[in-house]
Amino acid sequence: MQFSEGVVPFGEFIAELIRNPALLLSVLLTLGVILVNGWTDAPNAIATCVSTRSMSPRAAIIMAAILNFFGVFLMTLVNKTVAMTIYNMVNFHGNVGDANVALCAAMFAIVVWATAAWKFGIPTSESHALIAGISGAAIALQGGISGINGSEWIKVIYGLVLSTFLGFAMGYLTTKATEFIFRRMDRRKTEGFFKGAQIFGAGAMAFMHGAQDGQKFMGVFLLGVFLSTGNSDVTSFEIPVWLMAICSVVMALGTSIGGYRIIKSVGMDMVKLNKYQGFAADAAAAGCLLLSSLTGIPVSTTHTKTTAIMGVGASKRLSSVNWGVVKEMVYAWVLTFPGCALIAYLMVKLFLYLF
């Protein structure tokens, strides 16, 4: 079977899906996580564009779906190291049956965690939930920290620092630069220009969301495929176009179902933005995500976008930022790693006992 070589042809995948219940369960749970990512992460890409009324939610969601796909496709052609980082971050070697059960338990835990956050309108990071979930599952499976590949996991810490400080700084500096360049112009006459620029910025964010988060989830999807078919020793793989398309469509469906709550929290409640400020936030966040993707560092789209918006708000004055909303987000970010990892750990123990 070609799966052992890291190649997954669509026809063979469908045939295996029909006859292999373990693969079917793994695929359904992973698609569920991608759907929830559409609820909680993808709306961040278009939040400012909708909040400044540069685009309607429907048009923004359609744009996000299309550019998510191209982000996944083109970035994978250039550099698939984000997917490889996630794939190699944890150790699911050993009994492939137990390993597949552990991965399914992790996906279930991530859905539970993210759905609870969505219900309260908190833009928790699905990237952090994914990393925490598979890490907790690997620790439970291997009975200790041998389930974690420290040289790959440290990239998560780099990404956390990068998305926090660089996102904020770039949001602040991009806003100041934009205000300086257009300082002599009547702001009313720039509305049309910045409406177009805002749409471009949102498109760039949607593209980079696919480039970053799409790769993360496809890496886990393929890990499930290999484990379910008894190929636990695959160390490199090709990401098929059909998987890119499925990932993009499921993300878009999730965004259309539940994205407005997150759009409201990020784009409307945290900071009141003008069109030029929305453009600055999108441009800053997209630039930070591009840098992270090219260097293979997995970062959170949510984290990057929200810190960029904070930087934009702080460029006026610190009181422009609704720090109450920020505090809720920070609590969610801080709790995601231990909380989701613990749920995944317990789910693995329960699933292994039951199955």
Protein backbone atom coordinates (compact mmCIF):
# COMPACT_ATOMS: atom_id res chain seq x y z
CA MET A 1 0.00 0.00 0.00
CA GLN A 2 1.32 3.45 -0.95
CA PHE A 3 0.24 4.84 2.43
CA SER A 4 3.43 3.37 3.91
CA GLU A 5 5.43 5.67 1.62
CA GLY A 6 3.57 8.78 2.76
CA VAL A 7 1.45 8.94 -0.41
CA VAL A 8 -2.36 8.85 -0.09
CA PRO A 9 -4.19 8.60 -3.47
CA PHE A 10 -7.84 9.62 -3.21
CA GLY A 11 -9.25 6.40 -4.70
CA GLU A 12 -7.27 4.18 -2.34
CA PHE A 13 -8.17 6.41 0.59
CA ILE A 14 -11.91 6.07 -0.12
CA ALA A 15 -11.62 2.30 -0.55
CA GLU A 16 -9.76 2.02 2.75
CA LEU A 17 -12.26 4.37 4.45
CA ILE A 18 -15.14 2.07 3.49
CA ARG A 19 -13.56 -1.10 4.84
CA ASN A 20 -11.72 0.31 7.86
CA PRO A 21 -13.93 1.53 10.76
CA ALA A 22 -10.89 2.83 12.68
CA LEU A 23 -9.95 5.07 9.78
CA LEU A 24 -13.54 6.28 9.41
CA LEU A 25 -13.70 7.26 13.09
CA SER A 26 -10.31 9.02 12.92
CA VAL A 27 -11.35 10.96 9.81
CA LEU A 28 -14.72 12.01 11.25
CA LEU A 29 -13.18 13.25 14.50
CA THR A 30 -10.42 15.15 12.68
CA LEU A 31 -12.95 16.75 10.36
CA GLY A 32 -14.91 17.69 13.48
CA VAL A 33 -11.84 19.48 14.83
CA ILE A 34 -11.37 21.28 11.49
CA LEU A 35 -15.06 22.30 11.57
CA VAL A 36 -14.63 23.73 15.07
CA ASN A 37 -11.53 25.54 13.83
CA GLY A 38 -13.86 27.23 11.35
CA TRP A 39 -16.05 28.30 14.28
CA THR A 40 -13.24 29.64 16.42
CA ASP A 41 -10.15 30.50 14.34
CA ALA A 42 -11.16 31.27 10.75
CA PRO A 43 -13.49 34.15 11.79
CA ASN A 44 -10.45 36.01 13.11
CA ALA A 45 -9.18 36.35 9.55
CA ILE A 46 -12.26 38.30 8.48
CA ALA A 47 -13.35 39.86 11.80
CA THR A 48 -12.02 43.36 11.20
CA CYS A 49 -13.20 43.42 7.59
CA VAL A 50 -16.77 42.66 8.69
CA SER A 51 -16.67 44.95 11.74
CA THR A 52 -15.61 47.97 9.65
CA ARG A 53 -18.40 47.14 7.17
CA SER A 54 -15.97 46.78 4.29
CA MET A 55 -17.61 43.44 3.44
CA SER A 56 -20.76 41.61 4.41
CA PRO A 57 -20.31 38.46 6.53
CA ARG A 58 -21.51 36.26 3.66
CA ALA A 59 -19.08 37.73 1.12
CA ALA A 60 -16.23 37.63 3.64
CA ILE A 61 -16.89 33.95 4.42
CA ILE A 62 -16.89 33.06 0.71
CA MET A 63 -13.64 34.98 0.23
CA ALA A 64 -12.12 33.28 3.27
CA ALA A 65 -13.06 29.83 1.97
CA ILE A 66 -11.43 30.43 -1.42
CA LEU A 67 -8.26 32.02 -0.03
CA ASN A 68 -7.97 29.39 2.71
CA PHE A 69 -7.62 26.82 -0.05
CA PHE A 70 -5.02 28.80 -1.97
CA GLY A 71 -3.14 29.46 1.26
CA VAL A 72 -3.00 25.75 2.00
CA PHE A 73 -2.08 24.85 -1.59
CA LEU A 74 0.55 27.46 -2.37
CA MET A 75 2.27 27.46 1.02
CA THR A 76 2.45 23.66 0.95
CA LEU A 77 4.22 23.87 -2.42
CA VAL A 78 6.71 26.37 -0.98
CA ASN A 79 7.21 24.98 2.51
CA LYS A 80 5.32 22.22 4.35
CA THR A 81 7.43 22.38 7.50
CA VAL A 82 4.52 23.50 9.71
CA ALA A 83 2.70 20.25 8.89
CA MET A 84 5.88 18.26 9.49
CA THR A 85 6.48 20.04 12.82
CA ILE A 86 3.01 19.09 14.09
CA TYR A 87 3.36 15.55 12.75
CA ASN A 88 6.73 14.97 14.43
CA MET A 89 5.94 16.86 17.66
CA VAL A 90 4.55 13.79 19.41
CA ASN A 91 5.36 10.10 19.59
CA PHE A 92 2.47 7.81 18.66
CA HIS A 93 4.73 4.84 17.88
CA GLY A 94 4.13 1.38 19.30
CA ASN A 95 0.84 -0.51 19.17
CA VAL A 96 -0.96 1.13 16.23
CA GLY A 97 -4.37 0.18 17.59
CA ASP A 98 -3.75 1.94 20.89
CA ALA A 99 -2.10 4.85 19.07
CA ASN A 100 -5.16 5.36 16.88
CA VAL A 101 -7.47 5.22 19.91
CA ALA A 102 -5.28 7.83 21.62
CA LEU A 103 -5.39 10.14 18.60
CA CYS A 104 -9.18 9.82 18.37
CA ALA A 105 -9.46 10.63 22.07
CA ALA A 106 -7.32 13.74 21.52
CA MET A 107 -9.57 14.92 18.68
CA PHE A 108 -12.65 14.38 20.86
CA ALA A 109 -11.08 16.40 23.68
CA ILE A 110 -10.22 19.26 21.33
CA VAL A 111 -13.81 19.43 20.04
CA VAL A 112 -15.14 19.51 23.63
CA TRP A 113 -12.74 22.28 24.65
CA ALA A 114 -13.25 24.44 21.57
CA THR A 115 -17.03 24.09 21.55
CA ALA A 116 -17.21 25.27 25.16
CA ALA A 117 -15.05 28.30 24.31
CA TRP A 118 -17.19 29.09 21.26
CA LYS A 119 -20.38 28.94 23.34
CA PHE A 120 -19.03 31.73 25.53
CA GLY A 121 -17.78 33.71 22.51
CA ILE A 122 -14.13 33.45 23.59
CA PRO A 123 -11.70 33.23 20.64
CA THR A 124 -9.58 30.46 22.10
CA SER A 125 -6.72 29.27 19.92
CA GLU A 126 -7.54 26.10 18.04
CA SER A 127 -3.85 25.74 17.22
CA HIS A 128 -2.97 25.70 20.91
CA ALA A 129 -5.84 23.29 21.60
CA LEU A 130 -4.58 20.97 18.86
CA ILE A 131 -1.01 21.03 20.17
CA ALA A 132 -2.15 20.56 23.78
CA GLY A 133 -4.57 17.77 22.86
CA ILE A 134 -2.15 15.62 20.89
CA SER A 135 0.57 16.25 23.49
CA GLY A 136 -1.66 15.11 26.36
CA ALA A 137 -2.69 12.07 24.33
CA ALA A 138 0.92 11.13 23.53
CA ILE A 139 1.92 11.43 27.21
CA ALA A 140 -0.98 9.17 28.20
CA LEU A 141 -0.13 6.67 25.44
CA GLN A 142 3.59 6.47 26.23
CA GLY A 143 3.20 6.78 30.00
CA GLY A 144 5.40 9.87 30.33
CA ILE A 145 7.17 12.70 28.56
CA SER A 146 8.79 10.27 26.13
CA GLY A 147 5.60 10.94 24.17
CA ILE A 148 6.87 14.48 23.43
CA ASN A 149 9.57 15.42 20.94
CA GLY A 150 11.17 18.36 22.77
CA SER A 151 13.15 19.67 19.78
CA GLU A 152 9.90 20.13 17.84
CA TRP A 153 7.74 21.22 20.79
CA ILE A 154 10.09 24.12 21.59
CA LYS A 155 8.93 25.68 18.31
CA VAL A 156 5.53 26.16 19.96
CA ILE A 157 7.15 28.34 22.63
CA TYR A 158 8.95 30.33 19.93
CA GLY A 159 5.63 30.78 18.16
CA LEU A 160 3.87 31.90 21.33
CA VAL A 161 6.49 34.61 21.93
CA LEU A 162 6.61 35.59 18.27
CA SER A 163 2.85 35.94 17.86
CA THR A 164 2.50 37.95 21.10
CA PHE A 165 5.26 40.51 20.82
CA LEU A 166 5.71 40.71 17.05
CA GLY A 167 1.94 40.81 16.45
CA PHE A 168 1.48 43.69 18.92
CA ALA A 169 4.54 45.59 17.67
CA MET A 170 3.63 45.21 14.01
CA GLY A 171 0.05 46.32 14.68
CA TYR A 172 1.30 49.42 16.50
CA LEU A 173 3.97 50.32 13.92
CA THR A 174 1.78 49.64 10.87
CA THR A 175 -0.90 51.96 12.25
CA LYS A 176 1.62 54.71 12.99
CA ALA A 177 3.18 54.34 9.53
CA THR A 178 -0.23 54.49 7.84
CA GLU A 179 -1.21 57.60 9.80
CA PHE A 180 2.10 59.28 8.92
CA ILE A 181 1.83 58.52 5.19
CA PHE A 182 -1.75 59.82 4.95
CA ARG A 183 -1.42 62.62 7.52
CA ARG A 184 -2.06 65.43 5.00
CA MET A 185 -5.14 63.86 3.43
CA ASP A 186 -8.77 64.35 4.38
CA ARG A 187 -9.71 61.12 6.12
CA ARG A 188 -13.14 61.11 4.44
CA LYS A 189 -11.46 60.99 1.03
CA THR A 190 -9.42 57.95 2.02
CA GLU A 191 -12.43 55.85 3.04
CA GLY A 192 -12.81 54.27 -0.40
CA PHE A 193 -9.11 53.43 -0.63
CA PHE A 194 -8.98 51.87 2.82
CA LYS A 195 -12.17 49.92 2.19
CA GLY A 196 -10.36 48.22 -0.70
CA ALA A 197 -7.19 47.91 1.36
CA GLN A 198 -9.18 46.38 4.21
CA ILE A 199 -10.62 43.75 1.85
CA PHE A 200 -7.11 43.02 0.58
CA GLY A 201 -5.82 42.73 4.16
CA ALA A 202 -8.63 40.36 5.13
CA GLY A 203 -7.88 38.29 2.05
CA ALA A 204 -4.22 38.12 3.05
CA MET A 205 -5.24 36.99 6.54
CA ALA A 206 -7.54 34.29 5.13
CA PHE A 207 -4.71 33.13 2.87
CA MET A 208 -2.27 32.94 5.77
CA HIS A 209 -4.84 31.20 7.97
CA GLY A 210 -4.92 28.41 5.41
CA ALA A 211 -1.14 28.43 5.17
CA GLN A 212 -0.73 28.04 8.95
CA ASP A 213 -3.77 26.25 10.38
CA GLY A 214 -4.55 24.21 7.29
CA GLN A 215 -1.13 22.60 7.44
CA LYS A 216 -1.47 21.83 11.16
CA PHE A 217 -4.74 19.97 10.74
CA MET A 218 -3.69 18.16 7.59
CA GLY A 219 -0.60 16.91 9.43
CA VAL A 220 -2.84 15.42 12.13
CA PHE A 221 -5.30 14.09 9.52
CA LEU A 222 -2.50 12.18 7.79
CA LEU A 223 -1.17 10.94 11.14
CA GLY A 224 -4.61 9.40 11.72
CA VAL A 225 -4.62 7.86 8.23
CA PHE A 226 -1.23 6.24 8.73
CA LEU A 227 -2.04 4.95 12.23
CA SER A 228 -5.42 3.57 11.14
CA THR A 229 -3.77 1.61 8.33
CA GLY A 230 -0.96 0.23 10.48
CA ASN A 231 1.76 2.55 9.14
CA SER A 232 3.12 4.13 12.32
CA ASP A 233 6.68 4.53 11.02
CA VAL A 234 5.98 7.05 8.23
CA THR A 235 8.41 9.95 8.71
CA SER A 236 7.61 12.08 5.64
CA PHE A 237 4.54 12.49 3.48
CA GLU A 238 2.93 14.26 0.56
CA ILE A 239 -0.13 16.42 1.20
CA PRO A 240 -2.67 15.57 -1.53
CA VAL A 241 -4.72 18.28 -3.25
CA TRP A 242 -7.99 16.51 -2.35
CA LEU A 243 -7.13 16.88 1.35
CA MET A 244 -6.41 20.60 0.89
CA ALA A 245 -9.85 21.03 -0.72
CA ILE A 246 -11.67 19.08 2.02
CA CYS A 247 -9.87 21.04 4.75
CA SER A 248 -10.82 24.39 3.18
CA VAL A 249 -14.48 23.47 2.63
CA VAL A 250 -14.97 22.14 6.17
CA MET A 251 -13.31 25.25 7.66
CA ALA A 252 -15.63 27.48 5.60
CA LEU A 253 -18.67 25.51 6.75
CA GLY A 254 -17.64 25.99 10.37
CA THR A 255 -17.17 29.72 9.85
CA SER A 256 -20.62 30.06 8.29
CA ILE A 257 -22.25 28.15 11.16
CA GLY A 258 -20.79 29.87 14.18
CA GLY A 259 -18.31 32.54 13.20
CA TYR A 260 -20.28 35.67 14.05
CA ARG A 261 -19.77 35.38 17.82
CA ILE A 262 -16.01 35.40 17.40
CA ILE A 263 -16.18 38.16 14.78
CA LYS A 264 -18.06 40.26 17.33
CA SER A 265 -15.56 39.56 20.16
CA VAL A 266 -12.44 40.21 18.08
CA GLY A 267 -13.57 42.81 15.58
CA MET A 268 -16.16 44.79 17.53
CA ASP A 269 -15.86 44.37 21.30
CA MET A 270 -12.10 44.51 21.88
CA VAL A 271 -11.28 47.71 19.95
CA LYS A 272 -13.44 50.03 17.85
CA LEU A 273 -11.64 50.23 14.50
CA ASN A 274 -11.76 52.55 11.52
CA LYS A 275 -11.09 51.10 8.08
CA TYR A 276 -7.45 52.15 8.00
CA GLN A 277 -6.93 50.61 11.43
CA GLY A 278 -8.58 47.39 10.32
CA PHE A 279 -6.22 47.33 7.34
CA ALA A 280 -3.23 47.90 9.64
CA ALA A 281 -4.29 45.02 11.92
CA ASP A 282 -4.76 42.62 9.01
CA ALA A 283 -1.51 43.60 7.30
CA ALA A 284 0.46 43.25 10.53
CA ALA A 285 -1.03 39.88 11.44
CA ALA A 286 -0.65 38.50 7.90
CA GLY A 287 3.01 39.58 7.85
CA CYS A 288 3.66 37.84 11.17
CA LEU A 289 1.95 34.65 9.96
CA LEU A 290 3.94 34.69 6.71
CA LEU A 291 7.21 34.92 8.61
CA SER A 292 6.15 32.07 10.90
CA SER A 293 5.06 29.84 8.03
CA LEU A 294 8.26 30.33 6.06
CA THR A 295 10.36 29.44 9.10
CA GLY A 296 8.20 26.41 10.01
CA ILE A 297 7.07 27.80 13.38
CA PRO A 298 3.46 26.89 14.31
CA VAL A 299 1.69 29.98 15.65
CA SER A 300 -1.89 30.71 16.55
CA THR A 301 -3.93 32.71 14.04
CA THR A 302 -6.17 33.87 16.88
CA HIS A 303 -3.25 34.92 19.04
CA THR A 304 -1.51 36.77 16.21
CA LYS A 305 -4.61 38.62 15.01
CA THR A 306 -5.80 39.68 18.45
CA THR A 307 -2.39 40.95 19.56
CA ALA A 308 -2.12 42.90 16.29
CA ILE A 309 -5.51 44.48 17.04
CA MET A 310 -4.30 45.33 20.55
CA GLY A 311 -1.28 47.04 19.00
CA VAL A 312 -3.54 49.05 16.70
CA GLY A 313 -5.70 50.14 19.63
CA ALA A 314 -2.66 51.02 21.75
CA SER A 315 -1.37 53.27 18.94
CA LYS A 316 -4.18 55.70 19.84
CA ARG A 317 -4.08 55.24 23.60
CA LEU A 318 -4.13 52.26 25.92
CA SER A 319 -7.65 53.06 27.06
CA SER A 320 -8.87 52.42 23.50
CA VAL A 321 -8.45 48.71 24.14
CA ASN A 322 -11.23 46.94 26.03
CA TRP A 323 -8.96 45.21 28.52
CA GLY A 324 -11.86 43.26 29.99
CA VAL A 325 -12.26 41.39 26.70
CA VAL A 326 -8.47 41.02 26.45
CA LYS A 327 -8.36 39.53 29.96
CA GLU A 328 -10.93 36.88 29.00
CA MET A 329 -8.87 35.98 25.94
CA VAL A 330 -5.65 35.74 27.94
CA TYR A 331 -7.34 33.46 30.48
CA ALA A 332 -8.51 31.23 27.61
CA TRP A 333 -5.00 31.12 26.09
CA VAL A 334 -3.33 30.36 29.43
CA LEU A 335 -5.81 27.63 30.31
CA THR A 336 -5.81 25.98 26.89
CA PHE A 337 -2.49 24.16 27.23
CA PRO A 338 -3.03 22.51 30.64
CA GLY A 339 -6.81 22.26 30.29
CA CYS A 340 -7.02 20.67 26.87
CA ALA A 341 -3.97 18.48 27.53
CA LEU A 342 -5.53 17.17 30.75
CA ILE A 343 -8.86 16.43 29.05
CA ALA A 344 -7.04 14.60 26.25
CA TYR A 345 -4.96 12.64 28.77
CA LEU A 346 -8.05 11.51 30.67
CA MET A 347 -9.94 10.74 27.46
CA VAL A 348 -7.09 8.53 26.25
CA LYS A 349 -7.08 6.58 29.52
CA LEU A 350 -10.87 6.20 29.29
CA PHE A 351 -10.89 5.24 25.60
CA LEU A 352 -8.09 2.69 26.06
CA TYR A 353 -9.98 1.16 29.00
CA LEU A 354 -13.25 0.96 27.00
CA PHE A 355 -11.79 -0.16 23.67
